[in-house]
Amino acid sequence: MNRKIVLLAPLAVVLALLGSAAPALAATVSNMSFPIAFNVFVPCANGGAGEVVALTGDLHDRFDLTFDSDGMRVDIHDNPQGINGRGLTTGDKYQATGVTSLSLRSAGSIELTYIDNFRIIGQGPGNNFLFHDNLHLSINADGDVTAFHDNFKADCK
């Protein structure tokens, strides 16, 4: 059998299934966790002088991808699991919490929503760093941006 036919046959089947009468084709990878290590500057730590906090732990990731007659949908969700660390100046303990999600819909037009709530919680008062970003973007089938919203803030509490 011709090697090109063997390689292209699965692609042809997928493309045929993506027609208007196609059932939903979904691939979901869920509950994957992987180790991460990173540093975050917390401006309200160390009595307001700030300090770098070294964090380690696991990041949980869920990824959903669906193709059907309505187009494509992608949903991604991440959240820290047991991520903690210490301030490099004070030695204070910190814990990371939060959730990040991204949702993308494409069916001629594109809808993208991104939400990130990330918190570094320290021991004692006044050294919690709160980060929030909420973004939404809509693009019509002609490629024109029809909606854009980005609400970003970072606070110390």
Protein backbone atom coordinates (compact mmCIF):
# COMPACT_ATOMS: atom_id res chain seq x y z
CA MET A 1 0.00 0.00 0.00
CA ASN A 2 1.21 3.51 -0.80
CA ARG A 3 2.76 5.16 2.30
CA LYS A 4 1.09 8.53 1.56
CA ILE A 5 -2.35 6.90 1.56
CA VAL A 6 -1.64 5.22 4.90
CA LEU A 7 -0.55 8.54 6.43
CA LEU A 8 -3.42 10.59 4.95
CA ALA A 9 -6.25 8.11 5.61
CA PRO A 10 -6.70 9.04 9.31
CA LEU A 11 -6.71 12.75 8.38
CA ALA A 12 -9.36 12.13 5.72
CA VAL A 13 -11.55 10.32 8.27
CA VAL A 14 -11.26 13.21 10.75
CA LEU A 15 -12.06 15.77 8.05
CA ALA A 16 -15.07 13.73 6.91
CA LEU A 17 -16.36 13.58 10.48
CA LEU A 18 -16.07 17.36 10.81
CA GLY A 19 -18.86 17.81 8.25
CA SER A 20 -22.21 19.36 9.26
CA ALA A 21 -23.75 16.05 10.32
CA ALA A 22 -20.72 14.99 12.34
CA PRO A 23 -21.08 13.84 15.92
CA ALA A 24 -18.99 15.68 18.49
CA LEU A 25 -15.35 14.69 18.51
CA ALA A 26 -13.82 15.50 21.88
CA ALA A 27 -10.41 14.97 23.36
CA THR A 28 -10.10 15.65 27.06
CA VAL A 29 -6.97 15.49 29.14
CA SER A 30 -7.86 16.02 32.75
CA ASN A 31 -6.35 15.94 36.21
CA MET A 32 -2.78 16.23 35.06
CA SER A 33 -0.45 17.60 37.71
CA PHE A 34 3.13 18.60 37.23
CA PRO A 35 5.77 20.10 39.52
CA ILE A 36 6.64 23.78 39.21
CA ALA A 37 9.04 26.16 40.93
CA PHE A 38 8.97 29.94 40.53
CA ASN A 39 9.68 33.20 42.32
CA VAL A 40 7.15 35.99 42.92
CA PHE A 41 7.91 39.47 44.23
CA VAL A 42 5.41 40.33 46.99
CA PRO A 43 5.56 44.14 47.37
CA CYS A 44 3.69 44.25 50.70
CA ALA A 45 5.88 41.63 52.43
CA ASN A 46 8.73 42.40 54.82
CA GLY A 47 6.93 45.29 56.51
CA GLY A 48 6.15 46.94 53.16
CA ALA A 49 9.73 46.72 51.83
CA GLY A 50 8.77 43.70 49.71
CA GLU A 51 10.57 40.44 49.16
CA VAL A 52 10.94 37.64 46.67
CA VAL A 53 9.02 34.49 47.61
CA ALA A 54 10.34 31.16 46.26
CA LEU A 55 7.42 28.78 45.62
CA THR A 56 7.30 25.09 44.73
CA GLY A 57 4.54 22.52 44.40
CA ASP A 58 2.23 21.04 41.81
CA LEU A 59 0.04 22.73 39.23
CA HIS A 60 -3.16 20.91 38.31
CA ASP A 61 -4.19 21.26 34.67
CA ARG A 62 -7.39 20.31 32.85
CA PHE A 63 -7.61 20.66 29.07
CA ASP A 64 -10.76 20.07 27.00
CA LEU A 65 -10.88 20.29 23.21
CA THR A 66 -14.06 19.69 21.20
CA PHE A 67 -14.69 19.83 17.45
CA ASP A 68 -18.28 19.52 16.24
CA SER A 69 -20.71 21.00 13.71
CA ASP A 70 -20.75 24.25 15.74
CA GLY A 71 -16.97 24.71 15.43
CA MET A 72 -14.22 24.34 17.98
CA ARG A 73 -14.21 24.79 21.76
CA VAL A 74 -11.14 24.85 24.01
CA ASP A 75 -11.35 25.06 27.80
CA ILE A 76 -8.27 25.14 30.02
CA HIS A 77 -8.29 25.29 33.83
CA ASP A 78 -5.26 25.44 36.11
CA ASN A 79 -4.99 25.59 39.89
CA PRO A 80 -2.13 25.28 42.36
CA GLN A 81 -1.99 22.19 44.57
CA GLY A 82 0.20 22.37 47.63
CA ILE A 83 2.27 25.23 46.26
CA ASN A 84 4.06 26.91 49.13
CA GLY A 85 7.35 28.56 49.89
CA ARG A 86 9.32 31.06 51.92
CA GLY A 87 10.30 34.68 51.63
CA LEU A 88 13.96 34.90 50.69
CA THR A 89 14.52 37.85 53.05
CA THR A 90 12.32 37.14 56.08
CA GLY A 91 11.88 33.36 55.84
CA ASP A 92 8.10 33.87 56.27
CA LYS A 93 5.89 31.04 55.00
CA TYR A 94 3.60 31.59 52.01
CA GLN A 95 0.95 29.54 50.22
CA ALA A 96 -0.25 29.98 46.61
CA THR A 97 -3.95 29.61 45.81
CA GLY A 98 -6.23 30.51 42.93
CA VAL A 99 -7.50 29.40 39.55
CA THR A 100 -6.78 30.30 35.95
CA SER A 101 -9.21 29.51 33.14
CA LEU A 102 -9.28 30.13 29.43
CA SER A 103 -12.26 29.53 27.18
CA LEU A 104 -12.05 29.81 23.39
CA ARG A 105 -14.98 29.32 21.00
CA SER A 106 -14.57 29.43 17.24
CA ALA A 107 -17.37 28.99 14.71
CA GLY A 108 -16.57 31.60 12.07
CA SER A 109 -16.33 34.18 14.83
CA ILE A 110 -14.04 33.90 17.86
CA GLU A 111 -14.90 34.37 21.54
CA LEU A 112 -12.06 34.31 24.06
CA THR A 113 -12.43 34.64 27.83
CA TYR A 114 -9.48 34.50 30.21
CA ILE A 115 -9.76 34.70 34.01
CA ASP A 116 -6.79 34.56 36.37
CA ASN A 117 -7.13 34.76 40.16
CA PHE A 118 -3.79 34.15 41.82
CA ARG A 119 -3.04 34.75 45.49
CA ILE A 120 0.14 34.51 47.55
CA ILE A 121 -0.99 34.26 51.18
CA GLY A 122 1.62 35.03 53.85
CA GLN A 123 1.67 34.53 57.60
CA GLY A 124 0.74 37.57 59.60
CA PRO A 125 -1.24 40.63 58.54
CA GLY A 126 -0.67 42.82 55.51
CA ASN A 127 1.48 40.55 53.34
CA ASN A 128 -1.08 38.84 51.09
CA PHE A 129 -0.61 39.54 47.36
CA LEU A 130 -3.78 39.26 45.26
CA PHE A 131 -3.64 39.25 41.46
CA HIS A 132 -6.75 39.31 39.24
CA ASP A 133 -7.13 39.53 35.47
CA ASN A 134 -10.37 39.15 33.53
CA LEU A 135 -10.13 39.48 29.75
CA HIS A 136 -12.77 39.01 27.06
CA LEU A 137 -12.28 39.34 23.30
CA SER A 138 -14.79 38.89 20.46
CA ILE A 139 -13.82 38.84 16.78
CA ASN A 140 -16.46 38.49 14.07
CA ALA A 141 -16.12 36.35 10.94
CA ASP A 142 -14.73 39.35 9.00
CA GLY A 143 -11.85 39.68 11.50
CA ASP A 144 -13.20 42.82 13.20
CA VAL A 145 -12.83 43.13 16.98
CA THR A 146 -16.38 43.62 18.24
CA ALA A 147 -15.69 43.49 21.98
CA PHE A 148 -12.63 43.86 24.17
CA HIS A 149 -12.49 44.07 27.94
CA ASP A 150 -9.46 43.69 30.22
CA ASN A 151 -9.82 44.17 33.98
CA PHE A 152 -6.43 43.80 35.65
CA LYS A 153 -5.52 44.56 39.24
CA ALA A 154 -2.92 43.56 41.80
CA ASP A 155 -3.44 44.37 45.49
CA CYS A 156 -1.73 43.83 48.80
CA LYS A 157 -3.92 43.11 51.82
